[in-house]
PDB file of N, CA and C in Angstrom:
ATOM      1  N   MET A   1       0.841  -1.106  -0.378  1.00  0.00           N
ATOM      2  CA  MET A   1       0.238   0.155  -0.049  1.00  0.00           C
ATOM      3  C   MET A   1       0.876   1.739   0.099  1.00  0.00           C
ATOM      4  N   LEU A   2       1.940   1.505   0.939  1.00  0.00           N
ATOM      5  CA  LEU A   2       2.833   2.492   0.821  1.00  0.00           C
ATOM      6  C   LEU A   2       3.713   2.850  -0.466  1.00  0.00           C
ATOM      7  N   VAL A   3       4.142   1.798  -0.612  1.00  0.00           N
ATOM      8  CA  VAL A   3       4.580   1.775  -2.340  1.00  0.00           C
ATOM      9  C   VAL A   3       3.470   2.023  -3.998  1.00  0.00           C
ATOM     10  N   ALA A   4       2.500   1.451  -3.425  1.00  0.00           N
ATOM     11  CA  ALA A   4       1.373   2.590  -4.211  1.00  0.00           C
ATOM     12  C   ALA A   4       1.717   4.243  -4.016  1.00  0.00           C
ATOM     13  N   CYS A   5       1.445   4.530  -2.664  1.00  0.00           N
ATOM     14  CA  CYS A   5       1.675   5.654  -2.229  1.00  0.00           C
ATOM     15  C   CYS A   5       2.782   6.381  -2.548  1.00  0.00           C
ATOM     16  N   LEU A   6       3.566   5.588  -2.120  1.00  0.00           N
ATOM     17  CA  LEU A   6       4.691   6.389  -3.254  1.00  0.00           C
ATOM     18  C   LEU A   6       5.147   6.371  -4.606  1.00  0.00           C
ATOM     19  N   ALA A   7       4.876   6.142  -5.756  1.00  0.00           N
ATOM     20  CA  ALA A   7       4.946   5.604  -6.415  1.00  0.00           C
ATOM     21  C   ALA A   7       3.388   6.706  -7.364  1.00  0.00           C
ATOM     22  N   ALA A   8       1.733   6.835  -7.174  1.00  0.00           N
ATOM     23  CA  ALA A   8       1.375   7.310  -8.002  1.00  0.00           C
ATOM     24  C   ALA A   8       2.280   9.268  -6.666  1.00  0.00           C
ATOM     25  N   ARG A   9       3.080   9.162  -6.113  1.00  0.00           N
ATOM     26  CA  ARG A   9       2.784  10.826  -6.005  1.00  0.00           C
ATOM     27  C   ARG A   9       4.178  11.412  -6.624  1.00  0.00           C
ATOM     28  N   VAL A  10       4.377   9.770  -7.581  1.00  0.00           N
ATOM     29  CA  VAL A  10       6.235   9.838  -7.822  1.00  0.00           C
ATOM     30  C   VAL A  10       5.885   9.820  -9.444  1.00  0.00           C
ATOM     31  N   ARG A  11       5.124   9.448  -9.894  1.00  0.00           N
ATOM     32  CA  ARG A  11       4.212   8.897 -11.477  1.00  0.00           C
ATOM     33  C   ARG A  11       3.355  10.115 -11.891  1.00  0.00           C
ATOM     34  N   PRO A  12       3.331  11.009 -12.899  1.00  0.00           N
ATOM     35  CA  PRO A  12       2.027  11.576 -12.371  1.00  0.00           C
ATOM     36  C   PRO A  12       0.762  10.576 -13.405  1.00  0.00           C
ATOM     37  N   GLU A  13      -0.724  10.978 -13.600  1.00  0.00           N
ATOM     38  CA  GLU A  13      -1.355  10.078 -14.275  1.00  0.00           C
ATOM     39  C   GLU A  13      -1.462  10.312 -15.357  1.00  0.00           C
ATOM     40  N   PRO A  14      -1.542   9.106 -16.822  1.00  0.00           N
ATOM     41  CA  PRO A  14      -1.569   9.247 -17.770  1.00  0.00           C
ATOM     42  C   PRO A  14      -2.275  10.443 -18.452  1.00  0.00           C
ATOM     43  N   MET A  15      -1.346  11.337 -19.543  1.00  0.00           N
ATOM     44  CA  MET A  15      -2.983  11.540 -20.408  1.00  0.00           C
ATOM     45  C   MET A  15      -3.420  10.477 -21.728  1.00  0.00           C
ATOM     46  N   ARG A  16      -4.701  10.744 -21.511  1.00  0.00           N
ATOM     47  CA  ARG A  16      -5.418   9.815 -21.898  1.00  0.00           C
ATOM     48  C   ARG A  16      -6.114  10.885 -23.211  1.00  0.00           C
ATOM     49  N   LEU A  17      -6.727  11.143 -24.427  1.00  0.00           N
ATOM     50  CA  LEU A  17      -7.668  11.379 -25.341  1.00  0.00           C
ATOM     51  C   LEU A  17      -7.817   9.852 -26.187  1.00  0.00           C
ATOM     52  N   TYR A  18      -9.571   9.597 -25.943  1.00  0.00           N
ATOM     53  CA  TYR A  18      -9.303   9.110 -27.537  1.00  0.00           C
ATOM     54  C   TYR A  18     -10.993   9.647 -28.555  1.00  0.00           C
ATOM     55  N   LEU A  19     -10.569  10.083 -29.450  1.00  0.00           N
ATOM     56  CA  LEU A  19     -11.276  10.696 -30.026  1.00  0.00           C
ATOM     57  C   LEU A  19     -12.153   9.576 -31.926  1.00  0.00           C
ATOM     58  N   GLN A  20     -12.327   9.675 -32.155  1.00  0.00           N
ATOM     59  CA  GLN A  20     -13.906   9.110 -33.287  1.00  0.00           C
ATOM     60  C   GLN A  20     -14.712  10.201 -33.781  1.00  0.00           C
ATOM     61  N   THR A  21     -14.689   9.231 -35.551  1.00  0.00           N
ATOM     62  CA  THR A  21     -15.152   9.761 -36.243  1.00  0.00           C
ATOM     63  C   THR A  21     -16.913  10.345 -36.482  1.00  0.00           C
ATOM     64  N   VAL A  22     -17.112  10.706 -36.643  1.00  0.00           N
ATOM     65  CA  VAL A  22     -18.845  10.561 -36.840  1.00  0.00           C
ATOM     66  C   VAL A  22     -20.158   9.860 -37.550  1.00  0.00           C
ATOM     67  N   PRO A  23     -20.300   8.852 -37.066  1.00  0.00           N
ATOM     68  CA  PRO A  23     -21.381   8.067 -36.869  1.00  0.00           C
ATOM     69  C   PRO A  23     -21.662   8.324 -38.229  1.00  0.00           C
ATOM     70  N   GLY A  24     -22.314   7.975 -39.101  1.00  0.00           N
ATOM     71  CA  GLY A  24     -23.040   8.248 -40.390  1.00  0.00           C
ATOM     72  C   GLY A  24     -23.276   7.921 -41.257  1.00  0.00           C
ATOM     73  N   THR A  25     -22.121   6.952 -41.732  1.00  0.00           N
ATOM     74  CA  THR A  25     -22.564   5.375 -42.470  1.00  0.00           C
ATOM     75  C   THR A  25     -22.467   4.211 -42.282  1.00  0.00           C
ATOM     76  N   ALA A  26     -22.482   3.179 -42.965  1.00  0.00           N
ATOM     77  CA  ALA A  26     -22.759   1.546 -43.074  1.00  0.00           C
ATOM     78  C   ALA A  26     -21.638   1.391 -42.646  1.00  0.00           C
ATOM     79  N   ASP A  27     -20.418   2.092 -42.329  1.00  0.00           N
ATOM     80  CA  ASP A  27     -18.888   1.711 -42.015  1.00  0.00           C
ATOM     81  C   ASP A  27     -19.044   1.843 -40.516  1.00  0.00           C
ATOM     82  N   ALA A  28     -17.938   0.627 -40.059  1.00  0.00           N
ATOM     83  CA  ALA A  28     -18.006   1.197 -38.246  1.00  0.00           C
ATOM     84  C   ALA A  28     -17.429   2.673 -38.434  1.00  0.00           C
ATOM     85  N   PRO A  29     -17.076   3.194 -37.391  1.00  0.00           N
ATOM     86  CA  PRO A  29     -16.610   4.551 -36.904  1.00  0.00           C
ATOM     87  C   PRO A  29     -14.927   4.427 -36.880  1.00  0.00           C
ATOM     88  N   ARG A  30     -14.238   5.499 -37.430  1.00  0.00           N
ATOM     89  CA  ARG A  30     -12.452   4.836 -37.112  1.00  0.00           C
ATOM     90  C   ARG A  30     -12.368   6.065 -35.616  1.00  0.00           C
ATOM     91  N   TYR A  31     -11.234   5.043 -34.670  1.00  0.00           N
ATOM     92  CA  TYR A  31     -11.206   5.218 -34.051  1.00  0.00           C
ATOM     93  C   TYR A  31     -10.042   6.597 -33.733  1.00  0.00           C
ATOM     94  N   VAL A  32      -9.281   6.959 -32.684  1.00  0.00           N
ATOM     95  CA  VAL A  32      -8.211   7.108 -32.370  1.00  0.00           C
ATOM     96  C   VAL A  32      -7.573   7.187 -31.336  1.00  0.00           C
ATOM     97  N   GLN A  33      -6.963   7.188 -30.096  1.00  0.00           N
ATOM     98  CA  GLN A  33      -6.887   7.283 -28.634  1.00  0.00           C
ATOM     99  C   GLN A  33      -4.764   7.635 -28.379  1.00  0.00           C
ATOM    100  N   ILE A  34      -5.619   8.222 -27.496  1.00  0.00           N
ATOM    101  CA  ILE A  34      -3.695   9.369 -27.996  1.00  0.00           C
ATOM    102  C   ILE A  34      -3.708   9.010 -26.086  1.00  0.00           C
ATOM    103  N   THR A  35      -2.406   8.540 -26.316  1.00  0.00           N
ATOM    104  CA  THR A  35      -1.925   8.941 -24.271  1.00  0.00           C
ATOM    105  C   THR A  35      -0.175   8.413 -24.227  1.00  0.00           C
ATOM    106  N   LEU A  36      -0.534   9.341 -23.141  1.00  0.00           N
ATOM    107  CA  LEU A  36       0.815   9.692 -22.957  1.00  0.00           C
ATOM    108  C   LEU A  36       0.771   9.230 -21.519  1.00  0.00           C
ATOM    109  N   GLU A  37       2.445   8.614 -21.438  1.00  0.00           N
ATOM    110  CA  GLU A  37       2.701   8.298 -19.822  1.00  0.00           C
ATOM    111  C   GLU A  37       3.944   8.155 -19.585  1.00  0.00           C
ATOM    112  N   GLN A  38       3.882   8.296 -17.941  1.00  0.00           N
ATOM    113  CA  GLN A  38       6.193   8.455 -17.618  1.00  0.00           C
ATOM    114  C   GLN A  38       6.532   7.291 -17.687  1.00  0.00           C
ATOM    115  N   ASP A  39       7.136   6.362 -17.848  1.00  0.00           N
ATOM    116  CA  ASP A  39       7.830   5.166 -17.652  1.00  0.00           C
ATOM    117  C   ASP A  39       8.403   5.643 -15.936  1.00  0.00           C
ATOM    118  N   LEU A  40       9.503   4.466 -16.308  1.00  0.00           N
ATOM    119  CA  LEU A  40       9.982   4.185 -14.308  1.00  0.00           C
ATOM    120  C   LEU A  40      11.508   4.757 -14.355  1.00  0.00           C
ATOM    121  N   LEU A  41      11.982   5.057 -15.830  1.00  0.00           N
ATOM    122  CA  LEU A  41      13.367   6.151 -15.812  1.00  0.00           C
ATOM    123  C   LEU A  41      13.273   7.271 -15.944  1.00  0.00           C
ATOM    124  N   GLY A  42      11.473   8.196 -15.676  1.00  0.00           N
ATOM    125  CA  GLY A  42      11.518   9.296 -15.815  1.00  0.00           C
ATOM    126  C   GLY A  42      11.489  10.009 -17.016  1.00  0.00           C
ATOM    127  N   GLY A  43      11.939   9.354 -18.954  1.00  0.00           N
ATOM    128  CA  GLY A  43      11.585   9.318 -20.058  1.00  0.00           C
ATOM    129  C   GLY A  43       9.884   9.194 -19.996  1.00  0.00           C
ATOM    130  N   TRP A  44       9.423   9.891 -20.822  1.00  0.00           N
ATOM    131  CA  TRP A  44       7.824  10.155 -21.188  1.00  0.00           C
ATOM    132  C   TRP A  44       7.620   8.576 -22.622  1.00  0.00           C
ATOM    133  N   THR A  45       6.316   8.308 -22.840  1.00  0.00           N
ATOM    134  CA  THR A  45       6.573   7.400 -23.968  1.00  0.00           C
ATOM    135  C   THR A  45       4.293   7.635 -24.517  1.00  0.00           C
ATOM    136  N   LEU A  46       4.332   8.300 -25.531  1.00  0.00           N
ATOM    137  CA  LEU A  46       3.547   8.362 -26.685  1.00  0.00           C
ATOM    138  C   LEU A  46       3.081   7.001 -27.156  1.00  0.00           C
ATOM    139  N   TYR A  47       1.981   6.805 -26.756  1.00  0.00           N
ATOM    140  CA  TYR A  47       1.305   5.602 -27.792  1.00  0.00           C
ATOM    141  C   TYR A  47      -0.306   6.726 -28.852  1.00  0.00           C
ATOM    142  N   ARG A  48       0.021   5.962 -30.342  1.00  0.00           N
ATOM    143  CA  ARG A  48      -1.210   6.448 -31.159  1.00  0.00           C
ATOM    144  C   ARG A  48      -1.833   5.248 -31.185  1.00  0.00           C
ATOM    145  N   GLU A  49      -2.889   4.051 -30.764  1.00  0.00           N
ATOM    146  CA  GLU A  49      -3.343   3.832 -31.512  1.00  0.00           C
ATOM    147  C   GLU A  49      -3.832   3.860 -32.572  1.00  0.00           C
ATOM    148  N   SER A  50      -4.898   3.093 -33.447  1.00  0.00           N
ATOM    149  CA  SER A  50      -6.066   4.006 -34.432  1.00  0.00           C
ATOM    150  C   SER A  50      -6.909   2.716 -35.234  1.00  0.00           C
ATOM    151  N   GLY A  51      -7.337   2.600 -35.926  1.00  0.00           N
ATOM    152  CA  GLY A  51      -8.370   1.531 -36.422  1.00  0.00           C
ATOM    153  C   GLY A  51      -9.977   2.300 -36.606  1.00  0.00           C
ATOM    154  N   THR A  52     -10.539   0.253 -36.803  1.00  0.00           N
ATOM    155  CA  THR A  52     -11.791   0.344 -37.077  1.00  0.00           C
ATOM    156  C   THR A  52     -12.345   0.427 -35.998  1.00  0.00           C
ATOM    157  N   GLN A  53     -13.708   0.882 -35.361  1.00  0.00           N
ATOM    158  CA  GLN A  53     -13.996   0.150 -34.065  1.00  0.00           C
ATOM    159  C   GLN A  53     -15.017  -1.470 -34.630  1.00  0.00           C
ATOM    160  N   GLY A  54     -14.240  -2.194 -33.679  1.00  0.00           N
ATOM    161  CA  GLY A  54     -13.972  -3.337 -34.097  1.00  0.00           C
ATOM    162  C   GLY A  54     -13.404  -4.645 -34.685  1.00  0.00           C
ATOM    163  N   GLY A  55     -12.743  -3.678 -35.316  1.00  0.00           N
ATOM    164  CA  GLY A  55     -11.659  -4.043 -36.357  1.00  0.00           C
ATOM    165  C   GLY A  55     -10.633  -4.276 -36.154  1.00  0.00           C
ATOM    166  N   ARG A  56     -10.110  -4.485 -36.599  1.00  0.00           N
ATOM    167  CA  ARG A  56      -8.131  -4.337 -36.554  1.00  0.00           C
ATOM    168  C   ARG A  56      -7.558  -2.420 -35.802  1.00  0.00           C
ATOM    169  N   ALA A  57      -6.209  -2.861 -35.527  1.00  0.00           N
ATOM    170  CA  ALA A  57      -5.761  -1.930 -34.846  1.00  0.00           C
ATOM    171  C   ALA A  57      -4.403  -0.855 -34.956  1.00  0.00           C
ATOM    172  N   THR A  58      -3.388  -0.003 -35.402  1.00  0.00           N
ATOM    173  CA  THR A  58      -2.382  -0.321 -34.926  1.00  0.00           C
ATOM    174  C   THR A  58      -1.916   0.796 -34.090  1.00  0.00           C
ATOM    175  N   LEU A  59      -0.595   0.067 -33.524  1.00  0.00           N
ATOM    176  CA  LEU A  59      -0.209   0.825 -32.275  1.00  0.00           C
ATOM    177  C   LEU A  59       0.684   1.254 -33.342  1.00  0.00           C
ATOM    178  N   LYS A  60       1.491   2.516 -32.621  1.00  0.00           N
ATOM    179  CA  LYS A  60       2.643   3.350 -32.607  1.00  0.00           C
ATOM    180  C   LYS A  60       3.039   4.158 -30.994  1.00  0.00           C
ATOM    181  N   ARG A  61       4.806   3.881 -30.945  1.00  0.00           N
ATOM    182  CA  ARG A  61       5.104   4.217 -29.786  1.00  0.00           C
ATOM    183  C   ARG A  61       5.572   5.242 -30.197  1.00  0.00           C
ATOM    184  N   GLU A  62       6.033   6.173 -28.718  1.00  0.00           N
ATOM    185  CA  GLU A  62       7.157   7.290 -29.644  1.00  0.00           C
ATOM    186  C   GLU A  62       7.822   7.868 -28.126  1.00  0.00           C
ATOM    187  N   GLN A  63       8.591   7.777 -28.412  1.00  0.00           N
ATOM    188  CA  GLN A  63       9.414   8.606 -26.831  1.00  0.00           C
ATOM    189  C   GLN A  63       9.940   9.511 -27.272  1.00  0.00           C
ATOM    190  N   PHE A  64      10.145  10.129 -25.200  1.00  0.00           N
ATOM    191  CA  PHE A  64      10.656  11.166 -25.160  1.00  0.00           C
ATOM    192  C   PHE A  64      11.219  11.031 -23.966  1.00  0.00           C
ATOM    193  N   LEU A  65      12.276  12.250 -23.640  1.00  0.00           N
ATOM    194  CA  LEU A  65      13.359  12.973 -22.548  1.00  0.00           C
ATOM    195  C   LEU A  65      12.783  12.978 -21.530  1.00  0.00           C
ATOM    196  N   GLU A  66      12.503  14.704 -22.192  1.00  0.00           N
ATOM    197  CA  GLU A  66      11.486  15.410 -21.422  1.00  0.00           C
ATOM    198  C   GLU A  66      10.408  15.553 -21.684  1.00  0.00           C
ATOM    199  N   ARG A  67       9.292  16.305 -21.248  1.00  0.00           N
ATOM    200  CA  ARG A  67       8.152  16.470 -20.512  1.00  0.00           C
ATOM    201  C   ARG A  67       7.328  17.196 -21.434  1.00  0.00           C
ATOM    202  N   ASP A  68       8.227  18.572 -22.177  1.00  0.00           N
ATOM    203  CA  ASP A  68       7.418  19.096 -22.621  1.00  0.00           C
ATOM    204  C   ASP A  68       7.536  18.835 -24.228  1.00  0.00           C
ATOM    205  N   GLU A  69       8.165  18.615 -24.383  1.00  0.00           N
ATOM    206  CA  GLU A  69       9.022  17.794 -25.662  1.00  0.00           C
ATOM    207  C   GLU A  69       7.213  16.665 -25.925  1.00  0.00           C
ATOM    208  N   ALA A  70       7.411  15.888 -24.704  1.00  0.00           N
ATOM    209  CA  ALA A  70       6.541  15.454 -25.140  1.00  0.00           C
ATOM    210  C   ALA A  70       5.254  15.224 -24.797  1.00  0.00           C
ATOM    211  N   ILE A  71       4.439  16.603 -24.162  1.00  0.00           N
ATOM    212  CA  ILE A  71       3.235  17.220 -24.838  1.00  0.00           C
ATOM    213  C   ILE A  71       3.404  18.065 -25.267  1.00  0.00           C
ATOM    214  N   SER A  72       4.659  18.675 -26.383  1.00  0.00           N
ATOM    215  CA  SER A  72       4.275  19.408 -27.866  1.00  0.00           C
ATOM    216  C   SER A  72       3.647  17.992 -28.838  1.00  0.00           C
ATOM    217  N   ALA A  73       4.444  16.752 -28.400  1.00  0.00           N
ATOM    218  CA  ALA A  73       3.930  16.320 -29.576  1.00  0.00           C
ATOM    219  C   ALA A  73       2.045  15.123 -29.628  1.00  0.00           C
ATOM    220  N   PHE A  74       2.180  15.065 -28.251  1.00  0.00           N
ATOM    221  CA  PHE A  74       0.555  15.062 -27.752  1.00  0.00           C
ATOM    222  C   PHE A  74      -0.479  15.994 -28.031  1.00  0.00           C
ATOM    223  N   GLU A  75       0.113  16.955 -27.736  1.00  0.00           N
ATOM    224  CA  GLU A  75      -0.937  18.323 -28.425  1.00  0.00           C
ATOM    225  C   GLU A  75      -0.844  18.081 -30.373  1.00  0.00           C
ATOM    226  N   LYS A  76       0.382  17.759 -30.110  1.00  0.00           N
ATOM    227  CA  LYS A  76       0.232  18.085 -32.667  1.00  0.00           C
ATOM    228  C   LYS A  76      -0.969  17.063 -32.921  1.00  0.00           C
ATOM    229  N   ALA A  77      -0.575  15.473 -31.646  1.00  0.00           N
ATOM    230  CA  ALA A  77      -0.796  14.791 -32.677  1.00  0.00           C
ATOM    231  C   ALA A  77      -2.714  14.330 -31.796  1.00  0.00           C
ATOM    232  N   ARG A  78      -2.916  15.233 -31.233  1.00  0.00           N
ATOM    233  CA  ARG A  78      -4.565  15.728 -31.203  1.00  0.00           C
ATOM    234  C   ARG A  78      -5.076  16.589 -31.875  1.00  0.00           C
ATOM    235  N   ASP A  79      -4.702  17.457 -32.102  1.00  0.00           N
ATOM    236  CA  ASP A  79      -4.700  18.922 -33.117  1.00  0.00           C
ATOM    237  C   ASP A  79      -4.446  18.444 -34.948  1.00  0.00           C
ATOM    238  N   ALA A  80      -3.761  17.322 -35.039  1.00  0.00           N
ATOM    239  CA  ALA A  80      -3.850  16.558 -36.410  1.00  0.00           C
ATOM    240  C   ALA A  80      -4.775  15.834 -36.998  1.00  0.00           C
ATOM    241  N   GLN A  81      -5.833  14.945 -36.052  1.00  0.00           N
ATOM    242  CA  GLN A  81      -6.502  13.752 -35.649  1.00  0.00           C
ATOM    243  C   GLN A  81      -8.387  14.921 -36.353  1.00  0.00           C
ATOM    244  N   VAL A  82      -8.029  16.139 -35.003  1.00  0.00           N
ATOM    245  CA  VAL A  82      -8.955  17.080 -34.646  1.00  0.00           C
ATOM    246  C   VAL A  82      -8.961  17.927 -36.355  1.00  0.00           C
ATOM    247  N   LYS A  83      -8.587  18.124 -36.799  1.00  0.00           N
ATOM    248  CA  LYS A  83      -8.259  18.686 -38.205  1.00  0.00           C
ATOM    249  C   LYS A  83      -8.554  17.703 -39.430  1.00  0.00           C
ATOM    250  N   ARG A  84      -8.695  16.821 -39.534  1.00  0.00           N
ATOM    251  CA  ARG A  84      -9.047  15.363 -39.767  1.00  0.00           C
ATOM    252  C   ARG A  84     -10.698  14.618 -40.122  1.00  0.00           C
ATOM    253  N   GLY A  85     -11.483  15.560 -38.842  1.00  0.00           N
ATOM    254  CA  GLY A  85     -12.507  15.434 -38.474  1.00  0.00           C
ATOM    255  C   GLY A  85     -12.883  14.521 -37.658  1.00  0.00           C
ATOM    256  N   PHE A  86     -11.880  14.058 -36.568  1.00  0.00           N
ATOM    257  CA  PHE A  86     -12.212  13.326 -35.125  1.00  0.00           C
ATOM    258  C   PHE A  86     -12.933  14.226 -34.693  1.00  0.00           C
ATOM    259  N   ARG A  87     -13.326  13.797 -33.700  1.00  0.00           N
ATOM    260  CA  ARG A  87     -14.109  14.477 -32.883  1.00  0.00           C
ATOM    261  C   ARG A  87     -13.580  14.166 -30.805  1.00  0.00           C
ATOM    262  N   VAL A  88     -13.042  14.806 -29.599  1.00  0.00           N
ATOM    263  CA  VAL A  88     -12.851  14.546 -28.754  1.00  0.00           C
ATOM    264  C   VAL A  88     -14.004  13.723 -28.107  1.00  0.00           C
ATOM    265  N   MET A  89     -14.207  12.177 -27.426  1.00  0.00           N
ATOM    266  CA  MET A  89     -15.060  11.531 -27.392  1.00  0.00           C
ATOM    267  C   MET A  89     -14.716  11.092 -25.633  1.00  0.00           C
ATOM    268  N   PHE A  90     -13.832  11.025 -25.313  1.00  0.00           N
ATOM    269  CA  PHE A  90     -13.103  11.013 -23.941  1.00  0.00           C
ATOM    270  C   PHE A  90     -11.619  11.834 -23.460  1.00  0.00           C
ATOM    271  N   ALA A  91     -11.244  12.709 -21.869  1.00  0.00           N
ATOM    272  CA  ALA A  91     -10.280  12.984 -21.547  1.00  0.00           C
ATOM    273  C   ALA A  91      -9.952  12.750 -20.983  1.00  0.00           C
ATOM    274  N   GLN A  92      -8.949  12.002 -20.163  1.00  0.00           N
ATOM    275  CA  GLN A  92      -8.534  12.198 -19.204  1.00  0.00           C
ATOM    276  C   GLN A  92      -6.970  12.325 -18.925  1.00  0.00           C
ATOM    277  N   GLY A  93      -6.473  13.079 -17.934  1.00  0.00           N
ATOM    278  CA  GLY A  93      -4.925  13.265 -17.294  1.00  0.00           C
ATOM    279  C   GLY A  93      -5.077  14.248 -16.529  1.00  0.00           C
ATOM    280  N   GLN A  94      -3.304  14.156 -16.021  1.00  0.00           N
ATOM    281  CA  GLN A  94      -3.908  14.552 -15.168  1.00  0.00           C
ATOM    282  C   GLN A  94      -3.736  16.484 -14.732  1.00  0.00           C
ATOM    283  N   GLU A  95      -3.815  16.899 -16.086  1.00  0.00           N
ATOM    284  CA  GLU A  95      -2.950  18.756 -16.305  1.00  0.00           C
ATOM    285  C   GLU A  95      -4.177  18.427 -17.504  1.00  0.00           C
ATOM    286  N   GLY A  96      -5.060  17.962 -18.261  1.00  0.00           N
ATOM    287  CA  GLY A  96      -5.896  18.157 -19.313  1.00  0.00           C
ATOM    288  C   GLY A  96      -5.054  18.227 -20.356  1.00  0.00           C
ATOM    289  N   PRO A  97      -5.792  17.400 -21.587  1.00  0.00           N
ATOM    290  CA  PRO A  97      -5.253  17.841 -23.061  1.00  0.00           C
ATOM    291  C   PRO A  97      -5.183  18.886 -23.985  1.00  0.00           C
ATOM    292  N   TYR A  98      -5.833  19.771 -23.528  1.00  0.00           N
ATOM    293  CA  TYR A  98      -6.168  21.232 -23.399  1.00  0.00           C
ATOM    294  C   TYR A  98      -5.091  22.454 -23.421  1.00  0.00           C
ATOM    295  N   GLY A  99      -4.327  22.233 -22.497  1.00  0.00           N
ATOM    296  CA  GLY A  99      -3.570  23.160 -22.013  1.00  0.00           C
ATOM    297  C   GLY A  99      -2.417  22.712 -20.268  1.00  0.00           C
ATOM    298  N   ARG A 100      -1.087  23.860 -20.038  1.00  0.00           N
ATOM    299  CA  ARG A 100      -0.675  23.099 -19.098  1.00  0.00           C
ATOM    300  C   ARG A 100      -1.227  24.459 -18.037  1.00  0.00           C
TER     301      ARG A 100
END
């Protein structure tokens, strides 16, 4: 229990966004999930998962040494998907996905 409390203080909660296209055709909606987590060594990992709802998915991983660099990449990935017509369905994170 004590270890879990200490780990929660050291490692911030991951930031996560779930985006989806607007359903409207016979095709299943597409989705993108963007997650930013701090690893055990203090680095940051950005995960980008995308695919069709109920179908295949692709997972890409990118590593960063600095927090600001990682958050910038997270925001850039989010903005690119919103520009493509995806809508934010779920957002979770320590500071929120839209700012510091």
